[in-house]
Amino acid sequence: MPRLSCDDAQMPVLPGAEPFTSEGGRVGALLCHGFTGTPQSLRPWAEHLAAAGLTVSLPRLPGHGTSWQEMNLTTWEDWYAEVDRALTSLRQRCDDVFVMGLSMGGTLAIRLAEQRPADVTGLVLVNPSLLTKRPDRHALPLLRLVVSSWSPIGSDIKKPGVTELAYERLPMKAAYSLSKLWLTTRTDLDKVTQPILVFRSAEDHVVEPDSCVLLKSKVSSTDVREVVLEDSYHVATLDNDAPTIFADSLEFVRALSHVP
């Protein structure tokens, strides 16, 4: 069965959910947004990296930025195929590519590092998700068959007046597929050897700290740096600590790039 791309979407894209690209030098950055979110949550970060001269790609994942009903028609393989295509495109133009992601976008970034180690120079992860310990997780396989949507998880932001463009409902079939992505990615964590910069919010109402604990304990990378964000919730890229993420990620890229 062919995988879906955002070109296959039948519903109009929500204003602000459009992908972002910028042509720069021989160092690239691929940014991956989170589950039920859109490129809007990473747009300021992408623009910061582009202004510094990087070639930047921030795709919109299939099923995102349209409707939660459409998202229920997609799977993690569709989302992964989109970032895989974007990585291939960047590698054709760049000598180094750094993959960056928020939440599930971090999961997809890790999966790219596992599957395409020669094409990923380093990882920058913001509150990456690899598991959940919510008690209702055990009911998800059955719930998805009888309930189409659940309470939303988007816009967990501490900064007043800032809102993430995300779905008002959690699509249950897609959520079940996300759990499959977690399992697949966790199984191959030892294949990750690239340098990692991971940002973790001290207070996160979406992803438990267990994900970062697991990441650090299972990857084979010898260069792993964790930065704790004290003044942001889950969507830290739009929150009070966003400037720290932007500055530190750019410093990380410059330190590891093979191109001046």
Protein backbone atom coordinates (compact mmCIF):
# COMPACT_ATOMS: atom_id res chain seq x y z
CA MET A 1 0.00 0.00 0.00
CA PRO A 2 1.54 3.37 -0.96
CA ARG A 3 2.30 5.74 1.86
CA LEU A 4 0.51 9.03 2.14
CA SER A 5 2.27 12.34 1.69
CA CYS A 6 0.95 15.80 2.42
CA ASP A 7 0.33 16.19 -1.31
CA ASP A 8 -2.39 13.55 -0.95
CA ALA A 9 -4.38 15.58 1.59
CA GLN A 10 -7.96 16.25 0.48
CA MET A 11 -8.82 18.77 3.17
CA PRO A 12 -7.59 22.37 3.20
CA VAL A 13 -4.56 23.13 5.33
CA LEU A 14 -5.25 25.27 8.38
CA PRO A 15 -3.80 28.79 8.17
CA GLY A 16 -0.41 28.76 9.86
CA ALA A 17 0.10 25.01 9.43
CA GLU A 18 2.06 25.31 6.20
CA PRO A 19 5.51 23.74 5.87
CA PHE A 20 8.63 25.91 5.85
CA THR A 21 11.81 25.66 3.80
CA SER A 22 14.80 27.92 3.39
CA GLU A 23 17.86 27.52 1.20
CA GLY A 24 21.14 28.30 2.88
CA GLY A 25 24.59 26.77 3.00
CA ARG A 26 25.92 23.22 3.05
CA VAL A 27 24.68 22.53 6.58
CA GLY A 28 21.08 21.43 6.85
CA ALA A 29 18.48 21.17 9.59
CA LEU A 30 15.40 18.96 9.37
CA LEU A 31 12.74 19.90 11.93
CA CYS A 32 9.94 17.47 12.87
CA HIS A 33 6.81 18.69 14.65
CA GLY A 34 4.78 16.77 17.20
CA PHE A 35 1.68 14.56 17.32
CA THR A 36 -1.53 16.47 16.39
CA GLY A 37 0.60 19.61 16.00
CA THR A 38 1.82 21.49 12.93
CA PRO A 39 4.94 23.27 11.65
CA GLN A 40 3.67 26.35 13.52
CA SER A 41 5.10 24.98 16.77
CA LEU A 42 8.59 24.95 15.27
CA ARG A 43 8.39 27.86 12.85
CA PRO A 44 10.30 30.40 15.02
CA TRP A 45 13.06 27.83 15.59
CA ALA A 46 13.26 27.08 11.86
CA GLU A 47 13.41 30.78 11.02
CA HIS A 48 16.20 31.30 13.57
CA LEU A 49 18.30 28.54 12.00
CA ALA A 50 17.59 29.84 8.51
CA ALA A 51 18.65 33.35 9.49
CA ALA A 52 21.97 31.85 10.65
CA GLY A 53 22.58 30.47 7.15
CA LEU A 54 21.41 26.87 7.46
CA THR A 55 19.38 25.10 4.81
CA VAL A 56 16.16 24.30 6.67
CA SER A 57 13.27 21.92 6.03
CA LEU A 58 10.19 21.84 8.26
CA PRO A 59 7.60 19.55 6.62
CA ARG A 60 3.95 19.14 7.57
CA LEU A 61 3.31 15.53 8.50
CA PRO A 62 0.45 13.66 6.76
CA GLY A 63 -2.85 13.98 8.60
CA HIS A 64 -1.67 17.05 10.49
CA GLY A 65 -2.83 20.61 10.02
CA THR A 66 -6.16 19.64 8.44
CA SER A 67 -8.55 17.69 10.70
CA TRP A 68 -8.25 15.06 13.39
CA GLN A 69 -10.58 12.85 11.35
CA GLU A 70 -8.10 12.85 8.48
CA MET A 71 -5.28 12.13 10.89
CA ASN A 72 -7.08 8.95 11.95
CA LEU A 73 -6.57 7.72 8.39
CA THR A 74 -2.77 7.94 8.69
CA THR A 75 -0.17 5.87 10.53
CA TRP A 76 3.31 6.36 11.89
CA GLU A 77 4.73 4.90 8.68
CA ASP A 78 3.14 7.80 6.78
CA TRP A 79 4.65 10.37 9.15
CA TYR A 80 8.04 8.71 9.00
CA ALA A 81 7.96 8.53 5.20
CA GLU A 82 7.49 12.30 5.04
CA VAL A 83 10.54 13.10 7.17
CA ASP A 84 12.52 10.40 5.38
CA ARG A 85 11.80 12.13 2.06
CA ALA A 86 12.80 15.48 3.54
CA LEU A 87 16.08 14.02 4.81
CA THR A 88 16.87 12.60 1.38
CA SER A 89 16.24 15.99 -0.20
CA LEU A 90 18.47 17.78 2.31
CA ARG A 91 21.29 15.28 1.89
CA GLN A 92 21.33 16.01 -1.83
CA ARG A 93 22.17 19.64 -1.04
CA CYS A 94 24.04 19.49 2.27
CA ASP A 95 27.20 17.88 3.60
CA ASP A 96 25.85 17.72 7.15
CA VAL A 97 22.24 17.37 8.26
CA PHE A 98 21.03 17.73 11.83
CA VAL A 99 17.61 16.32 12.66
CA MET A 100 15.59 18.13 15.31
CA GLY A 101 12.20 17.33 16.76
CA LEU A 102 9.59 18.17 19.37
CA SER A 103 7.75 15.38 21.20
CA MET A 104 6.74 12.78 18.56
CA GLY A 105 8.92 14.76 16.16
CA GLY A 106 11.78 13.77 18.43
CA THR A 107 10.72 10.14 18.11
CA LEU A 108 10.81 10.44 14.32
CA ALA A 109 14.21 12.12 14.51
CA ILE A 110 15.56 9.24 16.60
CA ARG A 111 14.11 6.74 14.13
CA LEU A 112 15.89 8.48 11.27
CA ALA A 113 19.16 8.25 13.20
CA GLU A 114 18.57 4.54 13.74
CA GLN A 115 17.71 3.81 10.13
CA ARG A 116 20.02 6.24 8.33
CA PRO A 117 23.09 6.74 10.54
CA ALA A 118 25.33 7.96 7.72
CA ASP A 119 22.86 10.73 6.82
CA VAL A 120 22.29 12.19 10.30
CA THR A 121 25.14 14.22 11.79
CA GLY A 122 23.46 14.92 15.12
CA LEU A 123 20.14 15.05 16.96
CA VAL A 124 18.47 17.94 18.80
CA LEU A 125 15.44 16.73 20.74
CA VAL A 126 12.88 18.73 22.72
CA ASN A 127 10.79 16.66 25.14
CA PRO A 128 11.01 13.57 22.93
CA SER A 129 8.45 10.84 23.53
CA LEU A 130 9.27 7.13 23.70
CA LEU A 131 6.60 5.81 26.05
CA THR A 132 3.82 6.70 28.45
CA LYS A 133 2.99 5.38 31.89
CA ARG A 134 -0.56 6.70 31.88
CA PRO A 135 -2.82 4.01 33.35
CA ASP A 136 -5.25 4.22 30.44
CA ARG A 137 -2.55 3.21 27.94
CA HIS A 138 -3.54 -0.43 28.31
CA ALA A 139 -7.04 0.33 27.05
CA LEU A 140 -5.88 2.07 23.87
CA PRO A 141 -5.94 -1.04 21.59
CA LEU A 142 -9.62 -1.56 22.39
CA LEU A 143 -10.63 2.08 22.80
CA ARG A 144 -9.50 2.96 19.29
CA LEU A 145 -12.10 0.54 17.95
CA VAL A 146 -15.04 2.17 19.73
CA VAL A 147 -13.98 5.78 20.36
CA SER A 148 -12.77 7.93 17.47
CA SER A 149 -11.29 10.77 19.52
CA TRP A 150 -10.30 11.78 23.05
CA SER A 151 -9.37 14.85 25.07
CA PRO A 152 -6.67 16.96 23.35
CA ILE A 153 -3.01 17.17 24.35
CA GLY A 154 -1.95 20.26 22.41
CA SER A 155 -0.84 23.72 23.53
CA ASP A 156 0.83 22.78 26.82
CA ILE A 157 2.56 26.17 27.13
CA LYS A 158 3.40 28.18 30.24
CA LYS A 159 3.92 31.54 28.53
CA PRO A 160 0.72 33.65 28.67
CA GLY A 161 -0.97 34.48 25.40
CA VAL A 162 0.81 31.82 23.32
CA THR A 163 -1.17 29.01 21.68
CA GLU A 164 -0.03 26.00 19.70
CA LEU A 165 -1.91 25.27 16.49
CA ALA A 166 -3.04 21.72 17.27
CA TYR A 167 -6.17 19.60 17.05
CA GLU A 168 -9.03 20.11 19.49
CA ARG A 169 -9.37 16.32 19.75
CA LEU A 170 -6.92 13.43 20.03
CA PRO A 171 -7.45 10.95 17.15
CA MET A 172 -7.47 7.51 18.74
CA LYS A 173 -6.46 5.35 15.78
CA ALA A 174 -3.51 7.65 15.17
CA ALA A 175 -2.64 7.54 18.88
CA TYR A 176 -2.53 3.76 18.71
CA SER A 177 -0.17 4.00 15.75
CA LEU A 178 2.02 6.39 17.76
CA SER A 179 2.36 3.70 20.42
CA LYS A 180 3.65 1.37 17.69
CA LEU A 181 6.22 3.98 16.66
CA TRP A 182 7.39 4.20 20.27
CA LEU A 183 7.86 0.44 20.46
CA THR A 184 9.70 0.25 17.15
CA THR A 185 12.00 3.14 18.06
CA ARG A 186 12.72 1.87 21.59
CA THR A 187 13.76 -1.51 20.21
CA ASP A 188 16.58 0.04 18.14
CA LEU A 189 17.84 2.76 20.49
CA ASP A 190 21.24 1.08 20.72
CA LYS A 191 21.73 1.84 17.00
CA VAL A 192 21.89 5.57 17.74
CA THR A 193 25.52 6.70 17.80
CA GLN A 194 25.23 10.38 16.85
CA PRO A 195 25.82 13.27 19.26
CA ILE A 196 22.60 14.27 20.99
CA LEU A 197 21.43 17.53 22.54
CA VAL A 198 18.19 16.95 24.44
CA PHE A 199 16.04 19.59 26.09
CA ARG A 200 13.67 18.46 28.84
CA SER A 201 11.07 20.65 30.51
CA ALA A 202 11.10 20.35 34.29
CA GLU A 203 7.29 20.52 34.19
CA ASP A 204 5.72 18.72 31.25
CA HIS A 205 2.04 17.72 31.24
CA VAL A 206 2.27 15.59 28.09
CA VAL A 207 5.49 13.53 28.12
CA GLU A 208 6.84 11.98 31.32
CA PRO A 209 10.56 12.32 32.14
CA ASP A 210 10.88 8.53 31.76
CA SER A 211 11.32 9.00 28.01
CA CYS A 212 14.53 10.99 28.45
CA VAL A 213 15.77 8.58 31.10
CA LEU A 214 15.28 5.68 28.70
CA LEU A 215 16.89 7.55 25.83
CA LYS A 216 20.04 8.35 27.77
CA SER A 217 20.36 4.80 29.12
CA LYS A 218 19.87 2.94 25.82
CA VAL A 219 21.56 4.91 23.03
CA SER A 220 25.14 4.11 22.05
CA SER A 221 26.05 7.79 21.64
CA THR A 222 29.05 8.90 23.68
CA ASP A 223 28.15 12.59 23.38
CA VAL A 224 24.77 13.20 25.05
CA ARG A 225 23.98 16.53 26.67
CA GLU A 226 20.74 17.23 28.54
CA VAL A 227 19.47 20.73 29.24
CA VAL A 228 16.63 21.10 31.75
CA LEU A 229 14.20 23.89 30.90
CA GLU A 230 12.90 25.42 34.12
CA ASP A 231 10.39 27.90 32.68
CA SER A 232 8.54 25.99 29.97
CA TYR A 233 5.94 23.24 29.62
CA HIS A 234 5.80 20.64 26.85
CA VAL A 235 5.76 22.88 23.76
CA ALA A 236 8.99 24.54 24.83
CA THR A 237 9.77 25.80 21.33
CA LEU A 238 6.98 28.36 21.76
CA ASP A 239 7.52 28.90 25.48
CA ASN A 240 9.71 31.01 27.76
CA ASP A 241 12.84 28.92 27.17
CA ALA A 242 12.63 29.03 23.37
CA PRO A 243 15.62 31.42 23.06
CA THR A 244 17.78 28.89 24.93
CA ILE A 245 16.72 26.12 22.54
CA PHE A 246 17.43 28.28 19.51
CA ALA A 247 20.86 29.47 20.68
CA ASP A 248 22.08 26.15 22.07
CA SER A 249 20.97 24.15 19.04
CA LEU A 250 22.78 26.52 16.70
CA GLU A 251 25.93 26.28 18.83
CA PHE A 252 25.61 22.47 18.75
CA VAL A 253 25.36 22.51 14.94
CA ARG A 254 28.33 24.82 14.50
CA ALA A 255 30.50 22.75 16.82
CA LEU A 256 29.83 19.51 14.91
CA SER A 257 29.58 20.73 11.32
CA HIS A 258 32.31 19.82 8.88
CA VAL A 259 31.59 22.94 6.86
CA PRO A 260 32.52 26.39 8.21
